[in-house]
Amino acid sequence: MKHILYGSTLVLACAHPALALDFEFRGAEIIGTGYYNQPEAFPGPIPPFPPTADETFLTMSLGGSVEFALGGGFFVQGDAVFQAYDMGWDNYKLGSIGKHLGYEIGGGTNVGVFSYAELWDQPDEGDMSLGLEIAGESGAFFYDGFGAYLFDPLNGTGWEQYHVEATGGYAFNNGLAVELGLHYTEGDMRFGLDGNAFQALAGVSYELAPDFKVEAGYVYTDFETTMWDSWQSHGIKLALTKEIGGGTTFAQRNYLNLHNGY
């Protein structure tokens, strides 16, 4: 775990050597998220999957983020997230620490780099992710996107994945917002499932208060792997977000968020 943390910290330190600036608190967020997933036409039972592998399963996370301005348009954001898989036939837990270095380029647009270090509750299983991101708004429209490379520096799983995602939405004056997005993953999907996955995302959120919102969403996932032809999954997302101050700029990029709950 030490090697993962040192590596992810080094990436951001090299990205901008002048980090010795005065921190100014800009905001924070606490986010709780849950996904209910239903695989469809799962090709099991094939080892390592048991006969019950096609049943519904839950994934969940609870995380916090905090953001500080550095001056000159630069800012940093730190994330800490706990995640869990309740799959019935197997369960996993993992902890994540993430860092973002962002820059306001004007016109409501922010760009950044991020790094995540994650440790699973399985022997020699951990992962790191490195990526580029963009987030912003223009009037009532808002958008978010990233490209990420996820790998396993502990060599317990041999993971190597590439992720690309783009989402955008519209916020109404009554606190309601709608959002659509697309996601593509390619690489090792775990359990030796080399291939790719395409996801279509749709969501709606509502501000119960100026600093508190509830979100519901749907995720359609289509897997294509070298071991099997393909299978699909449907996911329902529920999330609660509490903002402090001005909130944070970038979304959390932990493992479950990169995979949209899968």
Protein backbone atom coordinates (compact mmCIF):
# COMPACT_ATOMS: atom_id res chain seq x y z
CA MET A 1 0.00 0.00 0.00
CA LYS A 2 2.90 2.34 0.73
CA HIS A 3 4.17 1.99 -2.82
CA ILE A 4 0.73 2.82 -4.20
CA LEU A 5 0.39 5.94 -2.07
CA TYR A 6 3.89 7.17 -2.78
CA GLY A 7 3.41 6.69 -6.51
CA SER A 8 0.11 8.52 -6.68
CA THR A 9 1.44 11.41 -4.61
CA LEU A 10 4.50 11.73 -6.84
CA VAL A 11 2.38 12.08 -9.97
CA LEU A 12 0.57 15.14 -8.65
CA ALA A 13 3.68 16.65 -7.14
CA CYS A 14 5.44 16.48 -10.50
CA ALA A 15 2.41 17.88 -12.28
CA HIS A 16 2.87 21.24 -10.56
CA PRO A 17 6.04 21.83 -8.51
CA ALA A 18 4.74 25.07 -7.00
CA LEU A 19 2.33 23.41 -4.58
CA ALA A 20 3.80 25.30 -1.63
CA LEU A 21 1.08 27.92 -1.84
CA ASP A 22 -1.43 29.21 0.67
CA PHE A 23 -4.41 26.90 0.96
CA GLU A 24 -7.84 28.53 0.92
CA PHE A 25 -10.78 26.29 1.73
CA ARG A 26 -13.35 26.25 -1.09
CA GLY A 27 -15.71 23.46 -0.15
CA ALA A 28 -16.33 19.84 0.72
CA GLU A 29 -18.78 17.04 -0.03
CA ILE A 30 -19.99 13.85 1.64
CA ILE A 31 -21.47 11.33 -0.79
CA GLY A 32 -23.24 8.03 -0.16
CA THR A 33 -23.97 5.87 -3.21
CA GLY A 34 -25.60 2.48 -3.77
CA TYR A 35 -26.15 0.36 -6.90
CA TYR A 36 -28.58 -2.52 -7.40
CA ASN A 37 -27.30 -4.63 -10.31
CA GLN A 38 -29.11 -7.34 -12.27
CA PRO A 39 -27.02 -9.33 -14.79
CA GLU A 40 -28.97 -10.46 -17.84
CA ALA A 41 -28.18 -13.63 -19.82
CA PHE A 42 -25.04 -14.22 -17.76
CA PRO A 43 -22.98 -16.98 -19.47
CA GLY A 44 -22.21 -18.92 -16.26
CA PRO A 45 -21.86 -21.15 -14.40
CA ILE A 46 -18.28 -21.29 -15.56
CA PRO A 47 -15.36 -21.16 -13.10
CA PRO A 48 -14.60 -18.97 -11.27
CA PHE A 49 -18.31 -18.10 -11.26
CA PRO A 50 -20.78 -20.23 -9.23
CA PRO A 51 -24.32 -21.11 -10.39
CA THR A 52 -25.70 -18.11 -8.46
CA ALA A 53 -23.46 -15.60 -10.27
CA ASP A 54 -26.36 -14.34 -12.37
CA GLU A 55 -28.34 -13.17 -9.35
CA THR A 56 -28.71 -9.54 -8.33
CA PHE A 57 -25.99 -7.94 -6.24
CA LEU A 58 -25.35 -4.67 -4.44
CA THR A 59 -22.41 -2.28 -4.47
CA MET A 60 -22.10 0.73 -2.22
CA SER A 61 -19.70 3.51 -1.26
CA LEU A 62 -19.36 6.31 1.28
CA GLY A 63 -16.84 9.04 0.67
CA GLY A 64 -15.78 12.55 1.45
CA SER A 65 -13.98 15.21 -0.59
CA VAL A 66 -12.41 18.54 0.29
CA GLU A 67 -11.07 21.27 -2.00
CA PHE A 68 -8.58 24.12 -1.53
CA ALA A 69 -7.61 27.00 -3.82
CA LEU A 70 -3.89 27.45 -4.43
CA GLY A 71 -3.93 30.75 -6.30
CA GLY A 72 -3.31 31.52 -9.93
CA GLY A 73 -6.34 29.47 -10.96
CA PHE A 74 -4.98 26.24 -9.47
CA PHE A 75 -6.74 24.15 -6.84
CA VAL A 76 -6.41 20.74 -5.20
CA GLN A 77 -9.06 18.25 -4.18
CA GLY A 78 -8.64 15.23 -1.91
CA ASP A 79 -11.00 12.24 -1.71
CA ALA A 80 -11.34 9.34 0.73
CA VAL A 81 -13.85 6.59 -0.10
CA PHE A 82 -14.92 3.27 1.44
CA GLN A 83 -16.49 0.78 -0.99
CA ALA A 84 -18.12 -2.64 -0.68
CA TYR A 85 -19.46 -5.38 -2.95
CA ASP A 86 -22.25 -7.62 -1.63
CA MET A 87 -22.50 -10.23 -4.38
CA GLY A 88 -23.99 -13.12 -2.39
CA TRP A 89 -21.46 -15.62 -3.72
CA ASP A 90 -18.55 -13.34 -2.85
CA ASN A 91 -18.00 -10.06 -1.01
CA TYR A 92 -15.26 -7.45 -1.27
CA LYS A 93 -14.30 -4.29 0.53
CA LEU A 94 -11.79 -1.66 -0.48
CA GLY A 95 -10.52 1.71 0.65
CA SER A 96 -9.52 4.55 -1.67
CA ILE A 97 -7.51 7.75 -1.43
CA GLY A 98 -7.58 10.15 -4.36
CA LYS A 99 -5.98 13.46 -5.27
CA HIS A 100 -6.84 15.97 -7.99
CA LEU A 101 -4.88 18.96 -9.23
CA GLY A 102 -7.16 21.30 -11.14
CA TYR A 103 -6.96 24.52 -13.08
CA GLU A 104 -9.71 27.01 -13.92
CA ILE A 105 -9.29 27.92 -17.58
CA GLY A 106 -12.23 30.35 -17.60
CA GLY A 107 -15.76 30.32 -18.92
CA GLY A 108 -16.84 27.92 -16.19
CA THR A 109 -14.47 25.17 -17.36
CA ASN A 110 -12.01 23.30 -15.13
CA VAL A 111 -9.39 20.78 -16.21
CA GLY A 112 -7.27 18.53 -14.05
CA VAL A 113 -5.20 15.44 -13.43
CA PHE A 114 -6.02 12.85 -10.80
CA SER A 115 -4.51 9.83 -9.11
CA TYR A 116 -6.15 7.17 -6.95
CA ALA A 117 -4.68 4.47 -4.72
CA GLU A 118 -6.91 1.62 -3.56
CA LEU A 119 -6.38 -1.43 -1.37
CA TRP A 120 -8.74 -4.43 -1.41
CA ASP A 121 -9.40 -6.81 1.48
CA GLN A 122 -7.87 -9.65 -0.55
CA PRO A 123 -4.21 -10.74 -0.38
CA ASP A 124 -1.96 -8.70 -2.67
CA GLU A 125 -4.89 -6.94 -4.34
CA GLY A 126 -4.73 -3.22 -4.92
CA ASP A 127 -4.98 -0.82 -7.79
CA MET A 128 -3.91 2.62 -8.91
CA SER A 129 -5.55 4.91 -11.42
CA LEU A 130 -4.15 7.92 -13.24
CA GLY A 131 -6.21 10.21 -15.39
CA LEU A 132 -7.17 13.49 -17.00
CA GLU A 133 -10.51 15.17 -16.30
CA ILE A 134 -12.73 18.09 -17.18
CA ALA A 135 -15.76 19.54 -15.42
CA GLY A 136 -17.74 22.72 -15.76
CA GLU A 137 -20.96 24.50 -16.52
CA SER A 138 -22.35 27.02 -18.97
CA GLY A 139 -25.57 28.60 -17.84
CA ALA A 140 -27.93 25.79 -16.88
CA PHE A 141 -25.84 23.16 -18.70
CA PHE A 142 -23.17 21.15 -16.89
CA TYR A 143 -20.68 18.50 -18.00
CA ASP A 144 -18.03 16.11 -16.72
CA GLY A 145 -15.57 13.81 -18.44
CA PHE A 146 -12.41 11.83 -17.84
CA GLY A 147 -9.93 9.39 -19.29
CA ALA A 148 -8.24 6.99 -16.87
CA TYR A 149 -5.67 4.21 -16.80
CA LEU A 150 -6.15 1.68 -13.98
CA PHE A 151 -3.52 -0.91 -13.13
CA ASP A 152 -2.36 -3.19 -10.31
CA PRO A 153 1.08 -2.23 -8.94
CA LEU A 154 0.96 -5.11 -6.43
CA ASN A 155 0.62 -7.63 -9.29
CA GLY A 156 -2.02 -9.60 -7.40
CA THR A 157 -4.61 -9.37 -10.17
CA GLY A 158 -2.78 -8.16 -13.25
CA TRP A 159 -5.47 -5.56 -13.92
CA GLU A 160 -4.89 -3.13 -16.73
CA GLN A 161 -7.90 -1.10 -17.81
CA TYR A 162 -8.56 2.02 -19.87
CA HIS A 163 -11.65 4.14 -19.16
CA VAL A 164 -13.26 7.00 -21.05
CA GLU A 165 -16.48 8.72 -19.93
CA ALA A 166 -18.46 11.81 -20.87
CA THR A 167 -21.63 13.07 -19.18
CA GLY A 168 -23.71 16.19 -19.51
CA GLY A 169 -26.93 17.56 -18.14
CA TYR A 170 -29.30 20.44 -17.61
CA ALA A 171 -30.30 22.01 -14.28
CA PHE A 172 -33.78 23.53 -14.00
CA ASN A 173 -34.60 26.48 -11.76
CA ASN A 174 -36.71 24.33 -9.41
CA GLY A 175 -33.75 22.24 -8.20
CA LEU A 176 -34.34 19.40 -10.66
CA ALA A 177 -31.54 18.27 -12.99
CA VAL A 178 -31.27 15.58 -15.66
CA GLU A 179 -28.08 13.97 -16.95
CA LEU A 180 -27.01 11.54 -19.70
CA GLY A 181 -23.65 9.91 -20.35
CA LEU A 182 -21.58 7.26 -22.11
CA HIS A 183 -18.71 5.15 -20.78
CA TYR A 184 -16.25 2.77 -22.42
CA THR A 185 -13.82 0.39 -20.70
CA GLU A 186 -11.21 -1.86 -22.29
CA GLY A 187 -8.71 -4.25 -20.72
CA ASP A 188 -8.77 -6.88 -17.99
CA MET A 189 -12.24 -6.81 -16.39
CA ARG A 190 -11.09 -8.98 -13.43
CA PHE A 191 -11.18 -12.81 -13.22
CA GLY A 192 -9.20 -12.87 -16.48
CA LEU A 193 -12.08 -11.45 -18.48
CA ASP A 194 -10.17 -9.58 -21.16
CA GLY A 195 -12.46 -7.52 -23.34
CA ASN A 196 -14.48 -4.33 -23.21
CA ALA A 197 -17.62 -2.86 -21.71
CA PHE A 198 -19.94 -0.16 -22.97
CA GLN A 199 -22.25 1.72 -20.59
CA ALA A 200 -25.14 4.10 -21.16
CA LEU A 201 -26.01 6.33 -18.19
CA ALA A 202 -29.11 8.31 -17.30
CA GLY A 203 -29.91 10.15 -14.09
CA VAL A 204 -32.11 12.68 -12.39
CA SER A 205 -31.33 14.66 -9.23
CA TYR A 206 -33.27 17.00 -6.98
CA GLU A 207 -32.04 19.54 -4.45
CA LEU A 208 -33.90 18.94 -1.20
CA ALA A 209 -32.01 21.96 0.16
CA PRO A 210 -29.39 24.32 -1.29
CA ASP A 211 -26.63 22.06 0.04
CA PHE A 212 -28.30 18.62 -0.06
CA LYS A 213 -29.47 16.60 -3.06
CA VAL A 214 -30.79 13.13 -3.88
CA GLU A 215 -30.02 11.36 -7.15
CA ALA A 216 -31.48 8.35 -8.95
CA GLY A 217 -30.03 6.80 -12.08
CA TYR A 218 -29.98 3.88 -14.49
CA VAL A 219 -26.90 2.14 -15.92
CA TYR A 220 -27.00 -0.25 -18.88
CA THR A 221 -23.81 -2.29 -19.33
CA ASP A 222 -22.88 -4.46 -22.30
CA PHE A 223 -19.84 -6.72 -21.84
CA GLU A 224 -17.80 -8.27 -24.66
CA THR A 225 -15.06 -10.66 -23.50
CA THR A 226 -12.63 -13.11 -25.06
CA MET A 227 -13.94 -15.94 -22.86
CA TRP A 228 -17.61 -15.47 -23.83
CA ASP A 229 -19.46 -13.60 -26.52
CA SER A 230 -21.36 -11.02 -24.48
CA TRP A 231 -23.76 -10.39 -21.65
CA GLN A 232 -25.64 -7.41 -20.31
CA SER A 233 -26.50 -5.91 -16.95
CA HIS A 234 -28.98 -3.35 -15.65
CA GLY A 235 -28.20 -1.16 -12.64
CA ILE A 236 -30.20 1.24 -10.49
CA LYS A 237 -28.29 3.98 -8.68
CA LEU A 238 -29.30 5.95 -5.61
CA ALA A 239 -27.08 8.66 -4.11
CA LEU A 240 -27.19 11.38 -1.46
CA THR A 241 -24.81 14.34 -1.53
CA LYS A 242 -24.18 16.85 1.24
CA GLU A 243 -22.26 19.97 0.22
CA ILE A 244 -20.24 22.13 2.59
CA GLY A 245 -19.20 25.58 1.46
CA GLY A 246 -19.09 25.59 -2.32
CA GLY A 247 -18.82 21.82 -2.69
CA THR A 248 -16.08 20.33 -4.88
CA THR A 249 -15.32 20.62 -8.58
CA PHE A 250 -14.54 17.07 -9.67
CA ALA A 251 -16.41 13.83 -9.08
CA GLN A 252 -14.79 11.09 -7.04
CA ARG A 253 -12.92 8.69 -9.36
CA ASN A 254 -12.75 5.61 -7.12
CA TYR A 255 -13.10 2.06 -8.48
CA LEU A 256 -16.89 1.85 -8.20
CA ASN A 257 -17.32 5.26 -9.81
CA LEU A 258 -15.00 4.34 -12.67
CA HIS A 259 -17.13 1.23 -13.28
CA ASN A 260 -20.47 2.92 -12.50
CA GLY A 261 -21.33 0.51 -9.72
CA TYR A 262 -20.24 -2.75 -11.32
